[in-house]
C-alpha atoms as a PDB file:
ATOM      1  CA  ILE A   1     -45.403 123.415  26.183  1.00  0.00           C
ATOM      2  CA  ARG A   2     -48.544 125.556  25.919  1.00  0.00           C
ATOM      3  CA  LEU A   3     -51.523 124.906  28.148  1.00  0.00           C
ATOM      4  CA  PRO A   4     -54.977 126.565  28.328  1.00  0.00           C
ATOM      5  CA  GLU A   5     -55.346 129.712  30.446  1.00  0.00           C
ATOM      6  CA  GLU A   6     -57.666 127.805  32.798  1.00  0.00           C
ATOM      7  CA  VAL A   7     -54.690 125.787  34.082  1.00  0.00           C
ATOM      8  CA  PRO A   8     -53.259 127.362  37.290  1.00  0.00           C
ATOM      9  CA  PRO A   9     -49.929 129.130  36.611  1.00  0.00           C
ATOM     10  CA  ASN A  10     -47.959 126.969  39.054  1.00  0.00           C
ATOM     11  CA  ILE A  11     -49.183 123.784  37.324  1.00  0.00           C
ATOM     12  CA  ALA A  12     -48.452 125.150  33.849  1.00  0.00           C
ATOM     13  CA  GLN A  13     -44.950 126.156  34.923  1.00  0.00           C
ATOM     14  CA  VAL A  14     -44.160 122.536  35.846  1.00  0.00           C
ATOM     15  CA  PHE A  15     -44.718 121.421  32.262  1.00  0.00           C
ATOM     16  CA  LYS A  16     -42.727 124.364  30.905  1.00  0.00           C
ATOM     17  CA  ASP A  17     -39.774 123.347  33.085  1.00  0.00           C
ATOM     18  CA  VAL A  18     -39.697 119.668  32.072  1.00  0.00           C
ATOM     19  CA  ILE A  19     -37.226 120.090  29.193  1.00  0.00           C
ATOM     20  CA  PRO A  20     -34.805 122.465  31.029  1.00  0.00           C
ATOM     21  CA  PHE A  21     -34.833 120.198  34.091  1.00  0.00           C
ATOM     22  CA  ALA A  22     -34.201 117.105  31.973  1.00  0.00           C
ATOM     23  CA  LEU A  23     -31.254 118.763  30.225  1.00  0.00           C
ATOM     24  CA  SER A  24     -29.818 119.874  33.577  1.00  0.00           C
ATOM     25  CA  VAL A  25     -30.045 116.369  35.049  1.00  0.00           C
ATOM     26  CA  LEU A  26     -28.447 114.779  31.985  1.00  0.00           C
ATOM     27  CA  SER A  27     -25.636 117.366  31.997  1.00  0.00           C
ATOM     28  CA  ILE A  28     -24.814 116.810  35.662  1.00  0.00           C
ATOM     29  CA  TYR A  29     -25.018 113.044  35.227  1.00  0.00           C
ATOM     30  CA  GLY A  30     -22.551 113.202  32.321  1.00  0.00           C
ATOM     31  CA  LEU A  31     -20.199 115.411  34.331  1.00  0.00           C
ATOM     32  CA  ASP A  32     -20.412 113.019  37.274  1.00  0.00           C
ATOM     33  CA  LEU A  33     -19.435 110.067  35.048  1.00  0.00           C
ATOM     34  CA  ILE A  34     -16.408 111.963  33.748  1.00  0.00           C
ATOM     35  CA  VAL A  35     -15.248 112.975  37.251  1.00  0.00           C
ATOM     36  CA  ARG A  36     -15.682 109.424  38.571  1.00  0.00           C
ATOM     37  CA  ASN A  37     -13.580 107.953  35.762  1.00  0.00           C
ATOM     38  CA  ILE A  38     -10.799 110.552  36.048  1.00  0.00           C
ATOM     39  CA  PHE A  39     -10.580 111.299  39.781  1.00  0.00           C
ATOM     40  CA  GLY A  40     -12.266 108.261  41.318  1.00  0.00           C
ATOM     41  CA  THR A  41     -14.855 110.340  43.212  1.00  0.00           C
ATOM     42  CA  ASN A  42     -18.176 112.033  42.456  1.00  0.00           C
ATOM     43  CA  VAL A  43     -18.979 115.670  41.777  1.00  0.00           C
ATOM     44  CA  ALA A  44     -20.639 116.277  45.169  1.00  0.00           C
ATOM     45  CA  GLU A  45     -17.624 115.049  47.150  1.00  0.00           C
ATOM     46  CA  SER A  46     -15.242 117.053  44.959  1.00  0.00           C
ATOM     47  CA  VAL A  47     -17.212 120.262  45.480  1.00  0.00           C
ATOM     48  CA  GLY A  48     -17.390 119.551  49.218  1.00  0.00           C
ATOM     49  CA  LYS A  49     -13.605 119.256  49.473  1.00  0.00           C
ATOM     50  CA  ILE A  50     -13.070 122.457  47.499  1.00  0.00           C
ATOM     51  CA  LEU A  51     -15.548 124.407  49.629  1.00  0.00           C
ATOM     52  CA  ALA A  52     -14.448 122.932  52.980  1.00  0.00           C
ATOM     53  CA  PRO A  53     -12.685 126.163  54.096  1.00  0.00           C
ATOM     54  CA  LEU A  54     -15.844 128.138  53.287  1.00  0.00           C
ATOM     55  CA  PHE A  55     -17.931 125.671  55.303  1.00  0.00           C
ATOM     56  CA  SER A  56     -15.726 126.258  58.354  1.00  0.00           C
ATOM     57  CA  ALA A  57     -15.805 130.049  57.982  1.00  0.00           C
ATOM     58  CA  THR A  58     -19.591 130.276  57.786  1.00  0.00           C
ATOM     59  CA  ASP A  59     -19.913 128.167  60.941  1.00  0.00           C
ATOM     60  CA  GLY A  60     -18.029 130.744  63.026  1.00  0.00           C
ATOM     61  CA  TYR A  61     -19.535 133.599  65.018  1.00  0.00           C
ATOM     62  CA  ILE A  62     -18.877 136.233  62.330  1.00  0.00           C
ATOM     63  CA  GLY A  63     -20.033 134.026  59.461  1.00  0.00           C
ATOM     64  CA  LEU A  64     -23.255 133.142  61.268  1.00  0.00           C
ATOM     65  CA  ALA A  65     -23.903 136.805  62.058  1.00  0.00           C
ATOM     66  CA  ILE A  66     -23.454 137.834  58.417  1.00  0.00           C
ATOM     67  CA  VAL A  67     -25.646 135.053  57.031  1.00  0.00           C
ATOM     68  CA  PHE A  68     -28.545 135.325  59.447  1.00  0.00           C
ATOM     69  CA  GLY A  69     -28.267 139.083  59.863  1.00  0.00           C
ATOM     70  CA  ALA A  70     -28.854 139.288  56.104  1.00  0.00           C
ATOM     71  CA  TYR A  71     -31.981 137.124  56.508  1.00  0.00           C
ATOM     72  CA  ALA A  72     -33.563 139.682  58.811  1.00  0.00           C
ATOM     73  CA  PHE A  73     -32.210 142.791  57.085  1.00  0.00           C
ATOM     74  CA  PHE A  74     -33.656 141.888  53.694  1.00  0.00           C
ATOM     75  CA  TRP A  75     -37.034 141.017  55.259  1.00  0.00           C
ATOM     76  CA  PHE A  76     -37.073 144.317  57.133  1.00  0.00           C
ATOM     77  CA  VAL A  77     -36.740 146.322  53.918  1.00  0.00           C
ATOM     78  CA  GLY A  78     -39.528 144.308  52.279  1.00  0.00           C
ATOM     79  CA  ILE A  79     -37.525 141.598  50.466  1.00  0.00           C
ATOM     80  CA  HIS A  80     -38.063 137.944  51.401  1.00  0.00           C
ATOM     81  CA  GLY A  81     -34.713 137.345  53.121  1.00  0.00           C
ATOM     82  CA  PRO A  82     -34.606 133.527  53.039  1.00  0.00           C
ATOM     83  CA  SER A  83     -35.287 133.543  49.290  1.00  0.00           C
ATOM     84  CA  VAL A  84     -32.239 135.767  48.792  1.00  0.00           C
ATOM     85  CA  VAL A  85     -29.802 134.133  51.220  1.00  0.00           C
ATOM     86  CA  GLU A  86     -30.736 130.433  51.200  1.00  0.00           C
ATOM     87  CA  PRO A  87     -29.545 129.698  47.638  1.00  0.00           C
ATOM     88  CA  LEU A  88     -26.075 130.837  48.730  1.00  0.00           C
ATOM     89  CA  ILE A  89     -25.871 128.551  51.766  1.00  0.00           C
ATOM     90  CA  VAL A  90     -28.141 125.615  50.954  1.00  0.00           C
ATOM     91  CA  ALA A  91     -25.247 123.335  49.953  1.00  0.00           C
ATOM     92  CA  ILE A  92     -23.299 124.139  53.120  1.00  0.00           C
ATOM     93  CA  SER A  93     -26.409 123.885  55.267  1.00  0.00           C
ATOM     94  CA  TYR A  94     -27.427 120.403  54.148  1.00  0.00           C
ATOM     95  CA  ALA A  95     -23.841 119.154  54.133  1.00  0.00           C
ATOM     96  CA  ASN A  96     -23.620 120.211  57.780  1.00  0.00           C
ATOM     97  CA  ILE A  97     -26.820 118.446  58.808  1.00  0.00           C
ATOM     98  CA  GLU A  98     -25.546 115.274  57.122  1.00  0.00           C
ATOM     99  CA  ALA A  99     -22.246 115.632  58.973  1.00  0.00           C
ATOM    100  CA  ASN A 100     -24.143 116.006  62.262  1.00  0.00           C
ATOM    101  CA  VAL A 101     -26.099 112.822  61.570  1.00  0.00           C
ATOM    102  CA  GLN A 102     -22.909 110.893  60.876  1.00  0.00           C
ATOM    103  CA  LEU A 103     -21.239 112.259  64.016  1.00  0.00           C
ATOM    104  CA  VAL A 104     -24.202 111.283  66.199  1.00  0.00           C
ATOM    105  CA  GLN A 105     -24.315 107.798  64.689  1.00  0.00           C
ATOM    106  CA  ALA A 106     -20.601 107.427  65.403  1.00  0.00           C
ATOM    107  CA  GLY A 107     -21.147 108.454  69.022  1.00  0.00           C
ATOM    108  CA  MET A 108     -19.269 111.723  68.549  1.00  0.00           C
ATOM    109  CA  HIS A 109     -20.148 115.356  69.212  1.00  0.00           C
ATOM    110  CA  ALA A 110     -22.316 116.936  66.489  1.00  0.00           C
ATOM    111  CA  ASP A 111     -20.958 120.482  66.236  1.00  0.00           C
ATOM    112  CA  LYS A 112     -22.185 121.941  62.931  1.00  0.00           C
ATOM    113  CA  ILE A 113     -24.279 125.045  63.605  1.00  0.00           C
ATOM    114  CA  LEU A 114     -25.179 126.291  60.128  1.00  0.00           C
ATOM    115  CA  ASN A 115     -27.922 123.868  59.117  1.00  0.00           C
ATOM    116  CA  PRO A 116     -31.611 124.031  58.118  1.00  0.00           C
ATOM    117  CA  VAL A 117     -32.895 123.191  61.596  1.00  0.00           C
ATOM    118  CA  THR A 118     -30.910 125.975  63.260  1.00  0.00           C
ATOM    119  CA  GLN A 119     -32.295 128.397  60.713  1.00  0.00           C
ATOM    120  CA  THR A 120     -35.883 127.219  61.251  1.00  0.00           C
ATOM    121  CA  PHE A 121     -36.116 126.925  65.030  1.00  0.00           C
ATOM    122  CA  VAL A 122     -33.349 129.145  66.439  1.00  0.00           C
ATOM    123  CA  VAL A 123     -32.666 131.965  63.985  1.00  0.00           C
ATOM    124  CA  THR A 124     -36.234 132.348  62.724  1.00  0.00           C
ATOM    125  CA  MET A 125     -37.877 131.338  65.984  1.00  0.00           C
ATOM    126  CA  GLY A 126     -41.502 132.201  65.279  1.00  0.00           C
ATOM    127  CA  GLY A 127     -40.568 133.540  61.839  1.00  0.00           C
ATOM    128  CA  THR A 128     -37.847 135.812  60.503  1.00  0.00           C
ATOM    129  CA  GLY A 129     -36.668 138.234  63.163  1.00  0.00           C
ATOM    130  CA  ALA A 130     -37.197 135.683  65.959  1.00  0.00           C
ATOM    131  CA  THR A 131     -40.658 137.133  66.606  1.00  0.00           C
ATOM    132  CA  LEU A 132     -42.146 134.246  68.595  1.00  0.00           C
ATOM    133  CA  VAL A 133     -42.444 136.382  71.734  1.00  0.00           C
ATOM    134  CA  VAL A 134     -43.699 139.552  70.035  1.00  0.00           C
ATOM    135  CA  PRO A 135     -47.433 138.675  69.711  1.00  0.00           C
ATOM    136  CA  PHE A 136     -47.503 137.622  73.367  1.00  0.00           C
ATOM    137  CA  MET A 137     -45.883 140.922  74.345  1.00  0.00           C
ATOM    138  CA  PHE A 138     -48.432 142.810  72.257  1.00  0.00           C
ATOM    139  CA  MET A 139     -51.276 140.958  74.003  1.00  0.00           C
ATOM    140  CA  TRP A 140     -50.039 141.122  77.583  1.00  0.00           C
ATOM    141  CA  LEU A 141     -47.760 144.157  77.846  1.00  0.00           C
ATOM    142  CA  CYS A 142     -49.266 146.720  75.475  1.00  0.00           C
ATOM    143  CA  LYS A 143     -51.866 149.245  76.585  1.00  0.00           C
ATOM    144  CA  SER A 144     -52.858 150.181  73.053  1.00  0.00           C
ATOM    145  CA  LYS A 145     -56.098 148.556  71.942  1.00  0.00           C
ATOM    146  CA  ARG A 146     -54.820 148.235  68.383  1.00  0.00           C
ATOM    147  CA  ASN A 147     -51.617 146.484  69.447  1.00  0.00           C
ATOM    148  CA  ARG A 148     -53.510 144.055  71.672  1.00  0.00           C
ATOM    149  CA  ILE A 149     -55.790 143.163  68.757  1.00  0.00           C
ATOM    150  CA  VAL A 150     -52.796 142.637  66.448  1.00  0.00           C
ATOM    151  CA  GLY A 151     -51.202 140.426  69.087  1.00  0.00           C
ATOM    152  CA  ARG A 152     -54.286 138.248  69.481  1.00  0.00           C
ATOM    153  CA  ALA A 153     -54.696 137.925  65.715  1.00  0.00           C
ATOM    154  CA  SER A 154     -51.079 136.920  65.092  1.00  0.00           C
ATOM    155  CA  VAL A 155     -50.207 134.765  68.105  1.00  0.00           C
ATOM    156  CA  VAL A 156     -51.383 131.431  66.677  1.00  0.00           C
ATOM    157  CA  PRO A 157     -49.817 131.688  63.195  1.00  0.00           C
ATOM    158  CA  THR A 158     -46.572 133.049  64.657  1.00  0.00           C
ATOM    159  CA  PHE A 159     -46.410 130.123  67.085  1.00  0.00           C
ATOM    160  CA  PHE A 160     -46.290 127.873  64.011  1.00  0.00           C
ATOM    161  CA  GLY A 161     -43.681 129.956  62.205  1.00  0.00           C
ATOM    162  CA  VAL A 162     -45.980 132.130  60.075  1.00  0.00           C
ATOM    163  CA  ASN A 163     -45.281 135.659  61.269  1.00  0.00           C
ATOM    164  CA  GLU A 164     -46.579 137.756  58.360  1.00  0.00           C
ATOM    165  CA  PRO A 165     -49.605 138.869  60.454  1.00  0.00           C
ATOM    166  CA  ILE A 166     -47.320 140.525  63.002  1.00  0.00           C
ATOM    167  CA  LEU A 167     -44.763 141.702  60.409  1.00  0.00           C
ATOM    168  CA  PHE A 168     -47.373 143.623  58.432  1.00  0.00           C
ATOM    169  CA  GLY A 169     -50.033 144.030  61.110  1.00  0.00           C
ATOM    170  CA  ALA A 170     -47.924 145.836  63.708  1.00  0.00           C
ATOM    171  CA  PRO A 171     -46.145 146.628  61.367  1.00  0.00           C
ATOM    172  CA  ILE A 172     -42.565 145.545  61.985  1.00  0.00           C
ATOM    173  CA  VAL A 173     -41.375 145.640  58.377  1.00  0.00           C
ATOM    174  CA  LEU A 174     -40.090 149.132  57.450  1.00  0.00           C
ATOM    175  CA  ASN A 175     -40.820 150.317  60.995  1.00  0.00           C
ATOM    176  CA  PRO A 176     -37.635 152.081  62.242  1.00  0.00           C
ATOM    177  CA  ILE A 177     -38.505 151.339  65.869  1.00  0.00           C
ATOM    178  CA  PHE A 178     -38.115 147.590  65.325  1.00  0.00           C
ATOM    179  CA  PHE A 179     -35.027 147.575  63.088  1.00  0.00           C
ATOM    180  CA  ILE A 180     -32.511 146.887  65.878  1.00  0.00           C
ATOM    181  CA  PRO A 181     -34.334 144.002  67.616  1.00  0.00           C
ATOM    182  CA  PHE A 182     -35.485 142.487  64.314  1.00  0.00           C
ATOM    183  CA  VAL A 183     -31.910 142.160  63.038  1.00  0.00           C
ATOM    184  CA  THR A 184     -30.193 141.617  66.394  1.00  0.00           C
ATOM    185  CA  ALA A 185     -32.392 138.889  67.920  1.00  0.00           C
ATOM    186  CA  PRO A 186     -31.637 136.241  65.236  1.00  0.00           C
ATOM    187  CA  ILE A 187     -27.888 136.868  65.549  1.00  0.00           C
ATOM    188  CA  ILE A 188     -27.945 136.647  69.353  1.00  0.00           C
ATOM    189  CA  ASN A 189     -30.018 133.463  69.125  1.00  0.00           C
ATOM    190  CA  VAL A 190     -27.568 131.667  66.852  1.00  0.00           C
ATOM    191  CA  TRP A 191     -24.615 132.826  68.967  1.00  0.00           C
ATOM    192  CA  ILE A 192     -26.280 131.384  72.066  1.00  0.00           C
ATOM    193  CA  MET A 193     -26.874 128.158  70.150  1.00  0.00           C
ATOM    194  CA  LYS A 194     -23.185 128.046  69.207  1.00  0.00           C
ATOM    195  CA  PHE A 195     -22.211 128.631  72.852  1.00  0.00           C
ATOM    196  CA  PHE A 196     -24.353 125.686  73.941  1.00  0.00           C
ATOM    197  CA  VAL A 197     -22.756 123.473  71.289  1.00  0.00           C
ATOM    198  CA  ASP A 198     -19.121 124.578  71.559  1.00  0.00           C
ATOM    199  CA  VAL A 199     -18.808 125.311  75.272  1.00  0.00           C
ATOM    200  CA  LEU A 200     -21.529 123.264  76.959  1.00  0.00           C
ATOM    201  CA  GLN A 201     -21.031 120.379  74.488  1.00  0.00           C
ATOM    202  CA  MET A 202     -24.694 120.014  73.553  1.00  0.00           C
ATOM    203  CA  ASN A 203     -25.175 118.123  70.301  1.00  0.00           C
ATOM    204  CA  SER A 204     -26.269 120.313  67.408  1.00  0.00           C
ATOM    205  CA  PHE A 205     -29.319 119.434  65.332  1.00  0.00           C
ATOM    206  CA  SER A 206     -29.361 116.079  63.574  1.00  0.00           C
ATOM    207  CA  ILE A 207     -33.098 115.659  62.896  1.00  0.00           C
ATOM    208  CA  ILE A 208     -35.008 117.709  60.305  1.00  0.00           C
ATOM    209  CA  LEU A 209     -38.598 118.531  61.246  1.00  0.00           C
ATOM    210  CA  PRO A 210     -41.392 120.351  59.370  1.00  0.00           C
ATOM    211  CA  TRP A 211     -40.825 124.104  59.500  1.00  0.00           C
ATOM    212  CA  THR A 212     -44.299 124.640  60.970  1.00  0.00           C
ATOM    213  CA  THR A 213     -43.304 122.799  64.156  1.00  0.00           C
ATOM    214  CA  PRO A 214     -43.429 125.290  67.067  1.00  0.00           C
ATOM    215  CA  ALA A 215     -39.856 126.445  67.663  1.00  0.00           C
ATOM    216  CA  PRO A 216     -39.445 125.325  71.318  1.00  0.00           C
ATOM    217  CA  ILE A 217     -40.660 121.836  70.378  1.00  0.00           C
ATOM    218  CA  GLY A 218     -38.454 121.817  67.276  1.00  0.00           C
ATOM    219  CA  ILE A 219     -35.371 122.701  69.319  1.00  0.00           C
ATOM    220  CA  VAL A 220     -35.939 119.809  71.700  1.00  0.00           C
ATOM    221  CA  MET A 221     -36.889 117.223  69.089  1.00  0.00           C
ATOM    222  CA  GLY A 222     -34.254 118.341  66.576  1.00  0.00           C
ATOM    223  CA  THR A 223     -31.502 117.564  69.073  1.00  0.00           C
ATOM    224  CA  ALA A 224     -33.015 114.141  69.873  1.00  0.00           C
ATOM    225  CA  LEU A 225     -34.256 115.334  73.286  1.00  0.00           C
ATOM    226  CA  ALA A 226     -30.853 116.523  74.476  1.00  0.00           C
ATOM    227  CA  PRO A 227     -31.256 117.686  78.120  1.00  0.00           C
ATOM    228  CA  LEU A 228     -29.600 121.039  77.401  1.00  0.00           C
ATOM    229  CA  SER A 229     -32.050 121.690  74.553  1.00  0.00           C
ATOM    230  CA  PHE A 230     -34.794 122.385  77.105  1.00  0.00           C
ATOM    231  CA  VAL A 231     -32.553 124.994  78.721  1.00  0.00           C
ATOM    232  CA  LEU A 232     -31.689 126.439  75.306  1.00  0.00           C
ATOM    233  CA  ALA A 233     -35.352 126.870  74.328  1.00  0.00           C
ATOM    234  CA  ILE A 234     -36.190 128.658  77.582  1.00  0.00           C
ATOM    235  CA  THR A 235     -33.057 130.810  77.343  1.00  0.00           C
ATOM    236  CA  LEU A 236     -33.875 131.966  73.821  1.00  0.00           C
ATOM    237  CA  ILE A 237     -37.417 132.923  74.816  1.00  0.00           C
ATOM    238  CA  ILE A 238     -36.125 134.981  77.748  1.00  0.00           C
ATOM    239  CA  ILE A 239     -33.380 136.671  75.715  1.00  0.00           C
ATOM    240  CA  ASP A 240     -35.711 137.533  72.832  1.00  0.00           C
ATOM    241  CA  THR A 241     -38.203 139.007  75.292  1.00  0.00           C
ATOM    242  CA  LEU A 242     -35.491 141.203  76.803  1.00  0.00           C
ATOM    243  CA  ILE A 243     -34.317 142.313  73.350  1.00  0.00           C
ATOM    244  CA  TYR A 244     -37.777 143.261  72.090  1.00  0.00           C
ATOM    245  CA  TYR A 245     -39.220 144.639  75.349  1.00  0.00           C
ATOM    246  CA  PRO A 246     -37.944 148.272  75.239  1.00  0.00           C
ATOM    247  CA  PHE A 247     -38.841 148.653  71.571  1.00  0.00           C
ATOM    248  CA  VAL A 248     -42.326 147.214  72.037  1.00  0.00           C
ATOM    249  CA  LYS A 249     -42.910 149.651  74.907  1.00  0.00           C
ATOM    250  CA  VAL A 250     -41.749 152.619  72.806  1.00  0.00           C
ATOM    251  CA  TYR A 251     -43.985 151.589  69.911  1.00  0.00           C
ATOM    252  CA  ASP A 252     -46.939 150.972  72.208  1.00  0.00           C
ATOM    253  CA  HIS A 253     -46.535 154.444  73.695  1.00  0.00           C
ATOM    254  CA  GLN A 254     -46.540 155.929  70.190  1.00  0.00           C
ATOM    255  CA  ILE A 255     -49.684 154.078  69.104  1.00  0.00           C
ATOM    256  CA  LEU A 256     -51.385 154.830  72.419  1.00  0.00           C
ATOM    257  CA  GLU A 257     -50.825 158.546  71.900  1.00  0.00           C
ATOM    258  CA  GLU A 258     -52.281 158.304  68.396  1.00  0.00           C
ATOM    259  CA  GLU A 259     -55.341 156.525  69.753  1.00  0.00           C
ATOM    260  CA  ARG A 260     -55.841 159.141  72.433  1.00  0.00           C
ATOM    261  CA  LYS A 261     -55.686 161.948  69.912  1.00  0.00           C
ATOM    262  CA  GLY A 262     -57.971 160.134  67.540  1.00  0.00           C
ATOM    263  CA  ASN A 263     -55.442 160.315  64.721  1.00  0.00           C
ATOM    264  CA  SER A 264     -55.785 156.687  63.763  1.00  0.00           C
ATOM    265  CA  SER A 265     -59.577 156.895  63.581  1.00  0.00           C
ATOM    266  CA  SER A 266     -59.676 160.094  61.547  1.00  0.00           C
ATOM    267  CA  GLU A 267     -57.028 158.893  59.084  1.00  0.00           C
ATOM    268  CA  LEU A 268     -58.922 155.661  58.549  1.00  0.00           C
ATOM    269  CA  LYS A 269     -62.167 157.556  57.934  1.00  0.00           C
ATOM    270  CA  GLU A 270     -60.444 159.800  55.393  1.00  0.00           C
ATOM    271  CA  LYS A 271     -59.013 156.807  53.530  1.00  0.00           C
ATOM    272  CA  VAL A 272     -62.374 155.064  53.485  1.00  0.00           C
ATOM    273  CA  ALA A 273     -64.102 158.216  52.277  1.00  0.00           C
ATOM    274  CA  ALA A 274     -61.499 158.706  49.535  1.00  0.00           C
ATOM    275  CA  ASN A 275     -61.818 155.137  48.291  1.00  0.00           C
ATOM    276  CA  PHE A 276     -65.559 154.640  48.599  1.00  0.00           C
ATOM    277  CA  ASN A 277     -67.090 158.086  48.129  1.00  0.00           C
ATOM    278  CA  THR A 278     -69.679 157.542  45.392  1.00  0.00           C
ATOM    279  CA  ALA A 279     -71.140 161.045  45.349  1.00  0.00           C
ATOM    280  CA  LYS A 280     -69.347 161.992  42.137  1.00  0.00           C
ATOM    281  CA  ALA A 281     -70.414 158.786  40.392  1.00  0.00           C
ATOM    282  CA  ASP A 282     -74.026 159.248  41.565  1.00  0.00           C
ATOM    283  CA  ALA A 283     -74.091 162.813  40.242  1.00  0.00           C
ATOM    284  CA  ILE A 284     -72.904 161.639  36.830  1.00  0.00           C
ATOM    285  CA  LEU A 285     -75.528 158.900  36.740  1.00  0.00           C
ATOM    286  CA  GLU A 286     -78.325 161.297  37.748  1.00  0.00           C
ATOM    287  CA  LYS A 287     -77.285 163.741  35.051  1.00  0.00           C
ATOM    288  CA  ALA A 288     -77.426 160.928  32.514  1.00  0.00           C
ATOM    289  CA  GLY A 289     -80.947 160.024  33.678  1.00  0.00           C
ATOM    290  CA  VAL A 290     -80.086 156.624  35.118  1.00  0.00           C
ATOM    291  CA  ASP A 291     -82.592 155.198  37.592  1.00  0.00           C
ATOM    292  CA  ALA A 292     -81.526 154.639  41.194  1.00  0.00           C
ATOM    293  CA  ALA A 293     -81.904 150.889  40.747  1.00  0.00           C
ATOM    294  CA  GLN A 294     -79.288 150.955  38.015  1.00  0.00           C
ATOM    295  CA  LYS A 295     -76.695 152.899  40.011  1.00  0.00           C
ATOM    296  CA  THR A 296     -74.351 149.978  40.434  1.00  0.00           C
ATOM    297  CA  ILE A 297     -71.216 151.685  39.119  1.00  0.00           C
ATOM    298  CA  THR A 298     -69.271 153.481  41.830  1.00  0.00           C
ATOM    299  CA  GLU A 299     -65.620 154.114  41.141  1.00  0.00           C
ATOM    300  CA  GLU A 300     -62.850 152.213  39.389  1.00  0.00           C
ATOM    301  CA  THR A 301     -60.700 150.480  41.975  1.00  0.00           C
ATOM    302  CA  ASN A 302     -57.226 149.031  41.523  1.00  0.00           C
ATOM    303  CA  VAL A 303     -56.812 145.634  43.179  1.00  0.00           C
ATOM    304  CA  LEU A 304     -53.392 144.212  44.057  1.00  0.00           C
ATOM    305  CA  VAL A 305     -53.305 140.413  44.329  1.00  0.00           C
ATOM    306  CA  LEU A 306     -50.188 138.936  45.938  1.00  0.00           C
ATOM    307  CA  CYS A 307     -49.656 135.392  44.686  1.00  0.00           C
ATOM    308  CA  ALA A 308     -47.483 133.194  46.889  1.00  0.00           C
ATOM    309  CA  GLY A 309     -47.840 129.894  45.062  1.00  0.00           C
ATOM    310  CA  GLY A 310     -49.496 130.961  41.838  1.00  0.00           C
ATOM    311  CA  GLY A 311     -52.497 128.648  42.252  1.00  0.00           C
ATOM    312  CA  THR A 312     -55.999 129.968  42.893  1.00  0.00           C
ATOM    313  CA  SER A 313     -54.632 133.450  43.618  1.00  0.00           C
ATOM    314  CA  GLY A 314     -52.985 133.396  40.186  1.00  0.00           C
ATOM    315  CA  LEU A 315     -56.309 132.565  38.565  1.00  0.00           C
ATOM    316  CA  LEU A 316     -57.952 135.400  40.497  1.00  0.00           C
ATOM    317  CA  ALA A 317     -55.304 137.862  39.332  1.00  0.00           C
ATOM    318  CA  THR A 318     -55.778 136.747  35.719  1.00  0.00           C
ATOM    319  CA  ALA A 319     -59.554 137.095  35.993  1.00  0.00           C
ATOM    320  CA  LEU A 320     -59.298 140.596  37.477  1.00  0.00           C
ATOM    321  CA  ASN A 321     -56.964 141.718  34.711  1.00  0.00           C
END
């Protein structure tokens, strides 16, 4: 299905996918009819029974560490971790949240840890890497002017689960100083969650909330206001602060030294001069006899447009090209 170039890419893609999606749905529906007639059950239940051992393994301490450690590791090296890992666990994750709902309704203990709510509010508390506390530490504990500014700029979005400002503003991504806490904090968080569920008998999550819900609120509401959830939220904040604290101090000392020596300022000036120095262009224009009023050409500049959804940013990228 071809559409005009004026149509945003994400809208055009929907129409392109209609036929493949329709064929996929019809294929699965036909398979489901066959399985029901032969085995007396549906495809989803059959797959669930086959993968039951895998479900149990991923809900253990080692399985949780591998899954959510991969989340943070991929993000740290510049790859969107959830986009890589989630397709592998989405079936298990949603099966577990459904199991928790059924257990709660039956008056039993909901004990499934690997589920979407755990990932959103415990593992990625304040975004991948459990960075909820980091902007506050940058604001209140750092002596570097630059770090304090980054903290103030990123504290609000991070509180609502959008931590790209701190990931790329600090930066944390590809910054060796933050590798250990960035990968370790999510694992420790989910292990603490499992301890609360397995040992202290707190019900696991049974309510799915929007991912932009602030993590402490999401923890409490996702467990249907379980009393221990308040303790869990406070515990995670304290533990994450302790994990990140020494690394934030080391990084702050490094940036503070750069500020004192004026390295940051001089490097920035050099970059600006390199990108916006129009002396060469002006000389060429003067030699060609162009009036000063017509000197609007400076220097060809490459522009990188990162398109998250492919909407207006996609149109901008197309226009620039």
